[in-house]
Protein backbone atom coordinates (compact mmCIF):
# COMPACT_ATOMS: atom_id res chain seq x y z
CA UNK A 1 46.27 12.51 -57.10
CA UNK A 2 43.13 14.06 -55.57
CA UNK A 3 40.65 12.04 -57.70
CA UNK A 4 42.49 8.85 -56.79
CA UNK A 5 42.40 9.71 -53.09
CA UNK A 6 38.66 10.28 -53.33
CA UNK A 7 38.20 6.84 -54.91
CA UNK A 8 40.32 5.33 -52.14
CA UNK A 9 38.18 7.06 -49.53
CA UNK A 10 35.03 5.66 -51.08
CA UNK A 11 36.57 2.19 -51.23
CA UNK A 12 37.52 2.42 -47.55
CA UNK A 13 33.99 3.33 -46.49
CA UNK A 14 32.51 0.59 -48.67
CA UNK A 15 34.94 -1.99 -47.29
CA UNK A 16 33.87 -1.06 -43.75
CA UNK A 17 30.22 -1.75 -44.49
CA UNK A 18 30.94 -4.93 -46.44
CA UNK A 19 33.17 -6.26 -43.68
CA UNK A 20 30.56 -5.64 -40.99
CA UNK A 21 27.95 -7.53 -42.99
CA UNK A 22 30.33 -10.41 -43.74
CA UNK A 23 31.24 -10.82 -40.06
CA UNK A 24 27.66 -10.56 -38.82
CA UNK A 25 26.28 -12.98 -41.41
CA UNK A 26 28.95 -15.58 -40.64
CA UNK A 27 28.29 -15.40 -36.89
CA UNK A 28 24.49 -15.40 -37.20
CA UNK A 29 24.37 -18.30 -39.66
CA UNK A 30 26.84 -20.39 -37.64
CA UNK A 31 25.03 -19.77 -34.36
CA UNK A 32 21.61 -20.42 -35.92
CA UNK A 33 22.50 -23.56 -37.85
CA UNK A 34 25.81 -24.78 -36.36
CA UNK A 35 27.37 -25.56 -39.73
CA UNK A 36 30.77 -24.50 -41.05
CA UNK A 37 29.54 -25.60 -44.48
CA UNK A 38 26.76 -23.00 -44.37
CA UNK A 39 29.26 -20.30 -43.44
CA UNK A 40 31.32 -21.43 -46.43
CA UNK A 41 28.22 -21.29 -48.66
CA UNK A 42 27.58 -17.67 -47.69
CA UNK A 43 31.19 -16.80 -48.47
CA UNK A 44 31.01 -18.71 -51.75
CA UNK A 45 27.91 -16.80 -52.84
CA UNK A 46 29.63 -13.54 -51.89
CA UNK A 47 32.77 -14.25 -53.90
CA UNK A 48 31.65 -16.58 -56.69
CA UNK A 49 30.00 -13.94 -58.92
CA UNK A 50 32.91 -11.55 -58.39
CA UNK A 51 35.37 -14.18 -59.61
CA UNK A 52 33.32 -15.72 -62.42
CA UNK A 53 32.18 -12.38 -63.85
CA UNK A 54 35.57 -10.69 -63.51
CA UNK A 55 36.56 -11.12 -67.20
CA UNK A 56 33.25 -9.61 -68.35
CA UNK A 57 33.56 -6.79 -65.80
CA UNK A 58 37.10 -6.09 -66.99
CA UNK A 59 35.98 -5.95 -70.62
CA UNK A 60 33.21 -3.50 -69.74
CA UNK A 61 35.62 -1.33 -67.74
CA UNK A 62 38.02 -1.13 -70.71
CA UNK A 63 35.21 -0.38 -73.17
CA UNK A 64 33.16 2.08 -71.10
CA UNK A 65 33.91 4.68 -68.47
CA UNK A 66 35.51 2.95 -65.50
CA UNK A 67 33.89 5.21 -62.92
CA UNK A 68 30.47 4.48 -64.45
CA UNK A 69 31.09 0.77 -63.92
CA UNK A 70 31.93 1.47 -60.28
CA UNK A 71 28.72 3.46 -59.85
CA UNK A 72 26.64 0.61 -61.27
CA UNK A 73 28.41 -1.92 -59.08
CA UNK A 74 28.09 -0.10 -55.78
CA UNK A 75 24.57 1.14 -56.45
CA UNK A 76 23.23 -2.17 -57.75
CA UNK A 77 24.54 -4.12 -54.77
CA UNK A 78 21.89 -2.37 -52.67
CA UNK A 79 19.28 -4.65 -54.26
CA UNK A 80 20.95 -7.73 -52.82
CA UNK A 81 21.33 -6.10 -49.43
CA UNK A 82 17.60 -5.39 -49.43
CA UNK A 83 16.81 -9.11 -49.84
CA UNK A 84 19.14 -10.05 -46.99
CA UNK A 85 17.62 -7.27 -44.86
CA UNK A 86 14.13 -8.75 -45.28
CA UNK A 87 15.43 -12.23 -44.38
CA UNK A 88 17.19 -10.82 -41.31
CA UNK A 89 13.87 -9.86 -39.72
CA UNK A 90 13.39 -13.52 -38.70
CA UNK A 91 14.97 -14.68 -35.40
CA UNK A 92 16.79 -17.44 -37.33
CA UNK A 93 17.29 -16.24 -40.92
CA UNK A 94 16.51 -18.86 -43.56
CA UNK A 95 19.60 -19.74 -45.61
CA UNK A 96 17.97 -19.51 -49.06
CA UNK A 97 17.02 -15.79 -49.16
CA UNK A 98 20.32 -14.89 -47.51
CA UNK A 99 22.26 -16.79 -50.17
CA UNK A 100 20.16 -15.25 -52.97
CA UNK A 101 20.66 -11.72 -51.65
CA UNK A 102 24.39 -12.18 -51.14
CA UNK A 103 24.72 -13.57 -54.67
CA UNK A 104 22.85 -10.63 -56.21
CA UNK A 105 24.91 -8.08 -54.28
CA UNK A 106 28.12 -9.79 -55.35
CA UNK A 107 26.98 -9.88 -58.99
CA UNK A 108 26.75 -6.10 -59.08
CA UNK A 109 29.88 -5.67 -56.95
CA UNK A 110 31.86 -7.61 -59.57
CA UNK A 111 31.79 -4.48 -61.75
CA UNK A 112 33.87 -2.44 -59.31
CA UNK A 113 37.15 -4.31 -58.75
CA UNK A 114 38.65 -4.35 -62.28
CA UNK A 115 37.49 -0.77 -62.86
CA UNK A 116 39.03 0.46 -59.60
CA UNK A 117 42.37 -1.25 -60.21
CA UNK A 118 42.58 -0.02 -63.80
CA UNK A 119 41.76 3.50 -62.61
CA UNK A 120 45.15 3.58 -60.88
CA UNK A 121 46.82 3.50 -64.29
CA UNK A 122 44.41 6.18 -65.54
CA UNK A 123 45.13 8.56 -62.69
CA UNK A 124 48.73 8.01 -61.53
CA UNK A 125 52.23 7.76 -63.03
CA UNK A 126 54.16 4.49 -62.82
CA UNK A 127 56.37 5.83 -60.04
CA UNK A 128 53.29 5.92 -57.80
CA UNK A 129 52.13 2.32 -58.39
CA UNK A 130 53.55 0.83 -55.17
CA UNK A 131 52.18 3.76 -53.18
CA UNK A 132 48.78 3.28 -54.83
CA UNK A 133 48.84 -0.43 -54.04
CA UNK A 134 49.50 0.39 -50.40
CA UNK A 135 46.65 2.92 -50.32
CA UNK A 136 44.19 0.48 -51.86
CA UNK A 137 45.22 -2.12 -49.30
CA UNK A 138 44.78 0.48 -46.58
CA UNK A 139 41.22 1.01 -47.81
CA UNK A 140 40.56 -2.71 -47.99
CA UNK A 141 42.01 -3.17 -44.51
CA UNK A 142 38.90 -1.53 -43.05
CA UNK A 143 37.07 -4.76 -43.85
CA UNK A 144 39.34 -6.60 -41.44
CA UNK A 145 40.59 -3.87 -39.12
CA UNK A 146 37.50 -1.95 -38.02
CA UNK A 147 34.54 -3.93 -39.32
CA UNK A 148 34.78 -7.06 -37.12
CA UNK A 149 35.09 -5.07 -33.90
CA UNK A 150 32.19 -2.78 -34.81
CA UNK A 151 30.04 -5.70 -35.93
CA UNK A 152 30.94 -7.67 -32.81
CA UNK A 153 29.81 -4.76 -30.64
CA UNK A 154 26.63 -4.03 -32.58
CA UNK A 155 25.42 -7.55 -33.28
CA UNK A 156 24.41 -8.56 -29.71
CA UNK A 157 22.53 -5.30 -29.11
CA UNK A 158 21.39 -3.86 -32.46
CA UNK A 159 21.10 -7.06 -34.48
CA UNK A 160 21.88 -8.10 -38.03
CA UNK A 161 19.29 -5.80 -39.64
CA UNK A 162 20.96 -2.67 -38.24
CA UNK A 163 24.34 -3.76 -39.58
CA UNK A 164 22.82 -4.34 -43.01
CA UNK A 165 21.30 -0.85 -42.95
CA UNK A 166 24.70 0.63 -42.12
CA UNK A 167 26.23 -1.32 -45.01
CA UNK A 168 23.64 0.18 -47.36
CA UNK A 169 24.51 3.67 -46.10
CA UNK A 170 28.21 3.11 -46.81
CA UNK A 171 27.31 2.07 -50.38
CA UNK A 172 25.54 5.39 -50.89
CA UNK A 173 28.58 7.32 -49.64
CA UNK A 174 30.83 5.36 -52.00
CA UNK A 175 28.51 6.09 -54.92
CA UNK A 176 28.71 9.80 -54.11
CA UNK A 177 32.54 9.76 -54.04
CA UNK A 178 32.72 7.94 -57.37
CA UNK A 179 30.20 10.32 -58.95
CA UNK A 180 32.33 13.32 -57.96
CA UNK A 181 35.43 11.76 -59.55
CA UNK A 182 33.50 10.83 -62.69
CA UNK A 183 32.25 14.40 -63.07
CA UNK A 184 35.75 15.81 -62.55
CA UNK A 185 37.20 13.50 -65.23
CA UNK A 186 34.28 13.73 -67.65
CA UNK A 187 36.42 15.27 -70.40
CA UNK A 188 39.63 13.36 -69.73
CA UNK A 189 40.81 11.33 -72.76
CA UNK A 190 40.85 7.55 -72.41
CA UNK A 191 43.64 5.21 -73.50
CA UNK A 192 43.61 4.22 -77.17
CA UNK A 193 40.98 1.53 -77.57
CA UNK A 194 41.84 -1.99 -78.57
CA UNK A 195 39.12 -3.36 -80.91
CA UNK A 196 36.52 -5.27 -78.91
CA UNK A 197 36.93 -8.47 -80.91
CA UNK A 198 40.67 -8.62 -80.24
CA UNK A 199 40.89 -7.11 -76.75
CA UNK A 200 40.17 -10.26 -74.76
CA UNK A 201 42.71 -12.42 -76.68
CA UNK A 202 45.15 -9.51 -76.33
CA UNK A 203 44.67 -9.56 -72.56
CA UNK A 204 45.13 -13.35 -72.44
CA UNK A 205 48.35 -13.07 -74.45
CA UNK A 206 49.61 -10.27 -72.22
CA UNK A 207 49.24 -12.61 -69.24
CA UNK A 208 50.13 -16.05 -70.57
CA UNK A 209 52.99 -15.06 -72.88
CA UNK A 210 55.07 -13.85 -69.93
CA UNK A 211 56.81 -16.57 -67.84
CA UNK A 212 56.81 -14.26 -64.83
CA UNK A 213 53.03 -13.78 -64.95
CA UNK A 214 52.35 -17.48 -65.58
CA UNK A 215 54.38 -18.48 -62.55
CA UNK A 216 52.89 -15.69 -60.47
CA UNK A 217 49.32 -16.72 -61.28
CA UNK A 218 49.96 -20.36 -60.39
CA UNK A 219 51.41 -19.40 -57.03
CA UNK A 220 48.68 -16.91 -56.27
CA UNK A 221 46.01 -19.50 -57.03
CA UNK A 222 47.56 -21.89 -54.50
CA UNK A 223 47.84 -19.09 -51.97
CA UNK A 224 44.25 -17.95 -52.41
CA UNK A 225 43.10 -21.53 -51.88
CA UNK A 226 44.96 -21.61 -48.56
CA UNK A 227 43.68 -18.18 -47.52
CA UNK A 228 40.13 -19.10 -48.52
CA UNK A 229 40.28 -22.11 -46.23
CA UNK A 230 41.54 -19.90 -43.40
CA UNK A 231 38.72 -17.41 -43.96
CA UNK A 232 36.17 -20.21 -43.88
CA UNK A 233 37.57 -21.94 -40.82
CA UNK A 234 38.70 -19.01 -38.67
CA UNK A 235 35.35 -18.47 -36.97
CA UNK A 236 34.44 -22.18 -36.55
CA UNK A 237 37.96 -22.73 -35.21
CA UNK A 238 37.71 -20.00 -32.56
CA UNK A 239 34.01 -19.45 -31.75
CA UNK A 240 34.03 -22.48 -29.40
CA UNK A 241 36.70 -20.69 -27.35
CA UNK A 242 35.69 -17.01 -27.69
CA UNK A 243 32.29 -15.32 -28.01
CA UNK A 244 31.32 -13.10 -30.97
CA UNK A 245 32.37 -9.89 -29.22
CA UNK A 246 35.84 -11.18 -28.30
CA UNK A 247 36.25 -12.74 -31.74
CA UNK A 248 35.30 -9.48 -33.46
CA UNK A 249 37.82 -7.54 -31.38
CA UNK A 250 40.44 -10.20 -32.09
CA UNK A 251 39.87 -10.03 -35.85
CA UNK A 252 40.18 -6.25 -35.80
CA UNK A 253 43.33 -6.46 -33.72
CA UNK A 254 45.15 -8.90 -35.95
CA UNK A 255 44.13 -6.92 -39.04
CA UNK A 256 46.45 -4.19 -37.76
CA UNK A 257 49.00 -6.16 -39.76
CA UNK A 258 47.25 -5.05 -42.94
CA UNK A 259 47.28 -1.46 -41.71
CA UNK A 260 50.96 -1.56 -40.80
CA UNK A 261 51.86 -3.17 -44.10
CA UNK A 262 49.79 -0.74 -46.13
CA UNK A 263 51.23 2.30 -44.35
CA UNK A 264 54.77 1.00 -44.80
CA UNK A 265 54.20 0.38 -48.51
CA UNK A 266 52.65 3.81 -48.97
CA UNK A 267 55.58 5.61 -47.33
CA UNK A 268 58.59 3.42 -48.16
CA UNK A 269 60.64 3.66 -51.36
CA UNK A 270 59.97 1.02 -53.99
CA UNK A 271 61.19 -2.44 -52.96
CA UNK A 272 62.11 -5.15 -55.53
CA UNK A 273 58.70 -6.83 -55.95
CA UNK A 274 60.01 -10.38 -56.49
CA UNK A 275 61.96 -10.30 -53.22
CA UNK A 276 59.04 -8.70 -51.41
CA UNK A 277 56.66 -11.37 -52.71
CA UNK A 278 58.76 -14.31 -51.51
CA UNK A 279 59.48 -12.84 -48.08
CA UNK A 280 55.85 -11.84 -47.53
CA UNK A 281 54.46 -15.25 -48.56
CA UNK A 282 56.94 -17.03 -46.30
CA UNK A 283 55.84 -14.89 -43.34
CA UNK A 284 52.14 -15.44 -44.07
CA UNK A 285 52.60 -19.21 -44.40
CA UNK A 286 54.58 -19.49 -41.18
CA UNK A 287 51.89 -17.53 -39.36
CA UNK A 288 49.17 -19.85 -40.69
CA UNK A 289 51.13 -22.85 -39.42
CA UNK A 290 51.28 -21.34 -35.95
CA UNK A 291 47.66 -20.15 -35.84
CA UNK A 292 46.25 -23.65 -35.65
CA UNK A 293 48.52 -24.92 -32.90
CA UNK A 294 47.02 -23.23 -29.84
CA UNK A 295 43.65 -21.46 -29.34
CA UNK A 296 45.00 -18.94 -26.83
CA UNK A 297 44.03 -15.31 -27.29
CA UNK A 298 47.54 -13.82 -27.18
CA UNK A 299 48.97 -16.55 -29.42
CA UNK A 300 46.29 -16.12 -32.10
CA UNK A 301 46.58 -12.33 -31.91
CA UNK A 302 50.36 -12.32 -32.40
CA UNK A 303 50.46 -14.78 -35.29
CA UNK A 304 47.35 -13.34 -36.88
CA UNK A 305 49.01 -9.92 -36.92
CA UNK A 306 52.04 -11.39 -38.70
CA UNK A 307 49.82 -13.22 -41.18
CA UNK A 308 48.12 -10.00 -42.27
CA UNK A 309 51.46 -8.20 -42.40
CA UNK A 310 52.76 -10.83 -44.81
CA UNK A 311 49.54 -10.80 -46.82
CA UNK A 312 49.80 -7.03 -47.28
CA UNK A 313 53.29 -7.27 -48.73
CA UNK A 314 52.39 -10.17 -51.01
CA UNK A 315 49.35 -8.37 -52.42
CA UNK A 316 51.30 -5.21 -53.16
CA UNK A 317 54.19 -7.07 -54.78
CA UNK A 318 51.87 -9.07 -57.02
CA UNK A 319 49.98 -5.95 -58.06
CA UNK A 320 53.16 -4.08 -58.99
CA UNK A 321 54.44 -7.06 -61.01
CA UNK A 322 51.23 -7.31 -63.00
CA UNK A 323 50.83 -3.58 -63.56
CA UNK A 324 54.36 -3.30 -64.94
CA UNK A 325 53.81 -6.13 -67.43
CA UNK A 326 50.38 -5.31 -68.90
CA UNK A 327 49.48 -2.47 -71.27
CA UNK A 328 46.97 0.07 -69.93
CA UNK A 329 44.61 -0.39 -72.90
CA UNK A 330 43.72 -3.90 -71.70
CA UNK A 331 44.49 -3.58 -68.00
CA UNK A 332 40.91 -3.86 -66.76
CA UNK A 333 40.43 -6.99 -68.88
CA UNK A 334 43.72 -8.33 -67.58
CA UNK A 335 42.69 -7.71 -63.96
CA UNK A 336 39.40 -9.47 -64.66
CA UNK A 337 41.15 -12.52 -66.09
CA UNK A 338 43.70 -12.54 -63.28
CA UNK A 339 40.89 -12.44 -60.73
CA UNK A 340 39.18 -15.36 -62.45
CA UNK A 341 42.36 -17.44 -62.48
CA UNK A 342 43.73 -16.69 -59.03
CA UNK A 343 40.52 -16.37 -57.05
CA UNK A 344 39.28 -19.70 -58.35
CA UNK A 345 41.33 -20.89 -55.38
CA UNK A 346 38.72 -19.29 -53.12
CA UNK A 347 35.88 -20.99 -55.00
CA UNK A 348 37.50 -24.36 -54.38
CA UNK A 349 38.42 -23.56 -50.79
CA UNK A 350 35.05 -22.45 -49.45
CA UNK A 351 33.06 -25.67 -50.07
CA UNK A 352 36.02 -28.00 -49.56
CA UNK A 353 37.19 -26.46 -46.27
CA UNK A 354 33.73 -26.60 -44.73
CA UNK A 355 33.22 -30.21 -45.80
CA UNK A 356 36.61 -31.36 -44.52
CA UNK A 357 36.15 -29.58 -41.20
CA UNK A 358 32.60 -30.82 -40.57
CA UNK A 359 32.80 -34.38 -41.85
CA UNK A 360 36.44 -35.51 -41.92
CA UNK A 361 38.66 -33.73 -39.42
CA UNK A 362 36.37 -32.68 -36.56
CA UNK A 363 34.86 -36.16 -35.93
CA UNK A 364 38.35 -37.68 -35.78
CA UNK A 365 39.59 -35.05 -33.34
CA UNK A 366 36.82 -35.42 -30.79
CA UNK A 367 37.69 -36.94 -27.43
CA UNK A 368 38.13 -40.64 -28.17
CA UNK A 369 38.28 -40.01 -31.93
CA UNK A 370 40.57 -41.81 -34.34
CA UNK A 371 43.23 -39.07 -34.24
CA UNK A 372 42.81 -38.02 -30.61
CA UNK A 373 46.08 -39.64 -29.52
CA UNK A 374 48.14 -38.57 -32.56
CA UNK A 375 47.28 -35.18 -34.03
CA UNK A 376 45.15 -34.51 -30.97
CA UNK A 377 48.27 -34.62 -28.81
CA UNK A 378 49.60 -31.60 -30.73
CA UNK A 379 46.45 -29.65 -31.63
CA UNK A 380 44.10 -30.72 -28.87
CA UNK A 381 40.68 -32.31 -29.21
CA UNK A 382 37.12 -31.02 -29.30
CA UNK A 383 35.26 -28.35 -31.28
CA UNK A 384 37.36 -26.34 -33.70
CA UNK A 385 40.45 -28.54 -33.58
CA UNK A 386 39.80 -30.23 -36.92
CA UNK A 387 39.71 -26.82 -38.57
CA UNK A 388 42.97 -25.94 -36.82
CA UNK A 389 44.75 -28.96 -38.33
CA UNK A 390 43.71 -27.94 -41.83
CA UNK A 391 44.83 -24.33 -41.30
CA UNK A 392 48.30 -25.47 -40.20
CA UNK A 393 48.66 -27.91 -43.12
CA UNK A 394 47.78 -25.19 -45.60
CA UNK A 395 50.28 -22.85 -43.98
CA UNK A 396 52.96 -25.34 -44.96
CA UNK A 397 51.70 -25.17 -48.55
CA UNK A 398 52.13 -21.39 -48.55
CA UNK A 399 55.68 -21.66 -47.15
CA UNK A 400 56.62 -24.15 -49.87
CA UNK A 401 55.10 -21.85 -52.48
CA UNK A 402 57.27 -18.98 -51.25
CA UNK A 403 60.38 -21.14 -51.53
CA UNK A 404 59.96 -21.57 -55.31
CA UNK A 405 61.66 -18.87 -57.39
CA UNK A 406 59.81 -16.92 -60.07
CA UNK A 407 61.39 -15.98 -63.42
CA UNK A 408 62.91 -12.52 -63.53
CA UNK A 409 60.77 -9.66 -64.80
CA UNK A 410 61.16 -9.13 -68.55
CA UNK A 411 61.07 -5.36 -68.68
CA UNK A 412 58.15 -2.99 -68.30
CA UNK A 413 54.71 -3.05 -69.82
CA UNK A 414 54.43 -1.52 -73.28
CA UNK A 415 53.91 2.18 -72.83
CA UNK A 416 52.81 3.04 -76.37
CA UNK A 417 49.32 3.64 -75.03
CA UNK A 418 49.94 7.06 -73.57
CA UNK A 419 47.25 8.29 -71.22
CA UNK A 420 46.82 11.99 -71.80
CA UNK A 421 46.27 13.77 -68.58
CA UNK A 422 48.74 11.54 -66.73
CA UNK A 423 51.22 14.39 -66.86
CA UNK A 424 48.76 16.48 -64.87
CA UNK A 425 48.32 13.60 -62.46
CA UNK A 426 52.08 13.39 -62.14
CA UNK A 427 52.47 17.06 -61.35
CA UNK A 428 49.67 17.07 -58.81
CA UNK A 429 51.09 13.94 -57.20
CA UNK A 430 54.26 15.80 -56.32
CA UNK A 431 52.49 18.80 -54.79
């Protein structure tokens, strides 16, 4: 359990730095250029390589040492941060070098996610999977819980360059944590290898041959599209009403839902994942519907908290369902393919949400606009209200997705690939 906890600690620190940079870049680019589409472009460059390269990253993590892949990912991302740091010296950073730097950092970062998720199966017994999912979410929650508030406080006084330097420092700490774990597990046997020429088809079959996983992936793709639109539109929707400092504090406050959900999942006994998934998605969708209705601080804070609480449960349930159905020998490949399939929803959402908000919805919801007397009577008119309409509509999509039943789980993943050393992990986990 101790090596896993060290990896989680490194992931938490890294998520803090990444979240600060993401918040600061979105605010700076929106204030400098006034375009939700540009904010979406930054997010697209930050996620696109991670999604598109996920199958390759998963194959590498199954073929080579998973902790080595994490070291390369976290260390290499510093090159991209350096490019953004140079661009940040200008009073109004030019979009092109920022987009190039973000893309390069994300390209290296793509190596870490499949390797980290597959490491859970390396290091922990199956009885600890839900607890591990909660811990990983707890680490990822730093990106939403602490990072926006810290970035909102630092940005007006210290500037974007300082935040980027802090992000680079967190990468170095994460690299150190991963290196310690890699050294401790240097002689640990790996799962039996699947031949390289058959591993990728094996991973595809493991996913697509199971009705449960097929249905799960379709629903998660729709949900990630909706969440991607919310991520893109949240700041343009609320910056006209709150300044960067208030918005940063608000984002950190509502991300307490992730913290509460992660803590509950880490401490609670295992809950039937299919039931947890439906209930959590319904809560997240309802919260999205409410978020767009009224740009009042208390209203957004309350519903935002519930949204993240639902998102935490949905993520954990989906992870447990996948981990139980896929053999460990191809798990990193499977996670890579799953990321490609489901997170393609983000790749569609980022450019589409910005375009719809800037060019379709916002002009029609200005005072005197075509929808001012219809939708405007419910959502209000002026800056940010077009984005609010889209957020509410997509919340309905998530609620409808939760209402559809998934096929029952068809047993556990094949366990013929025994991971030697898991018995030691099991005994230490109960200490």
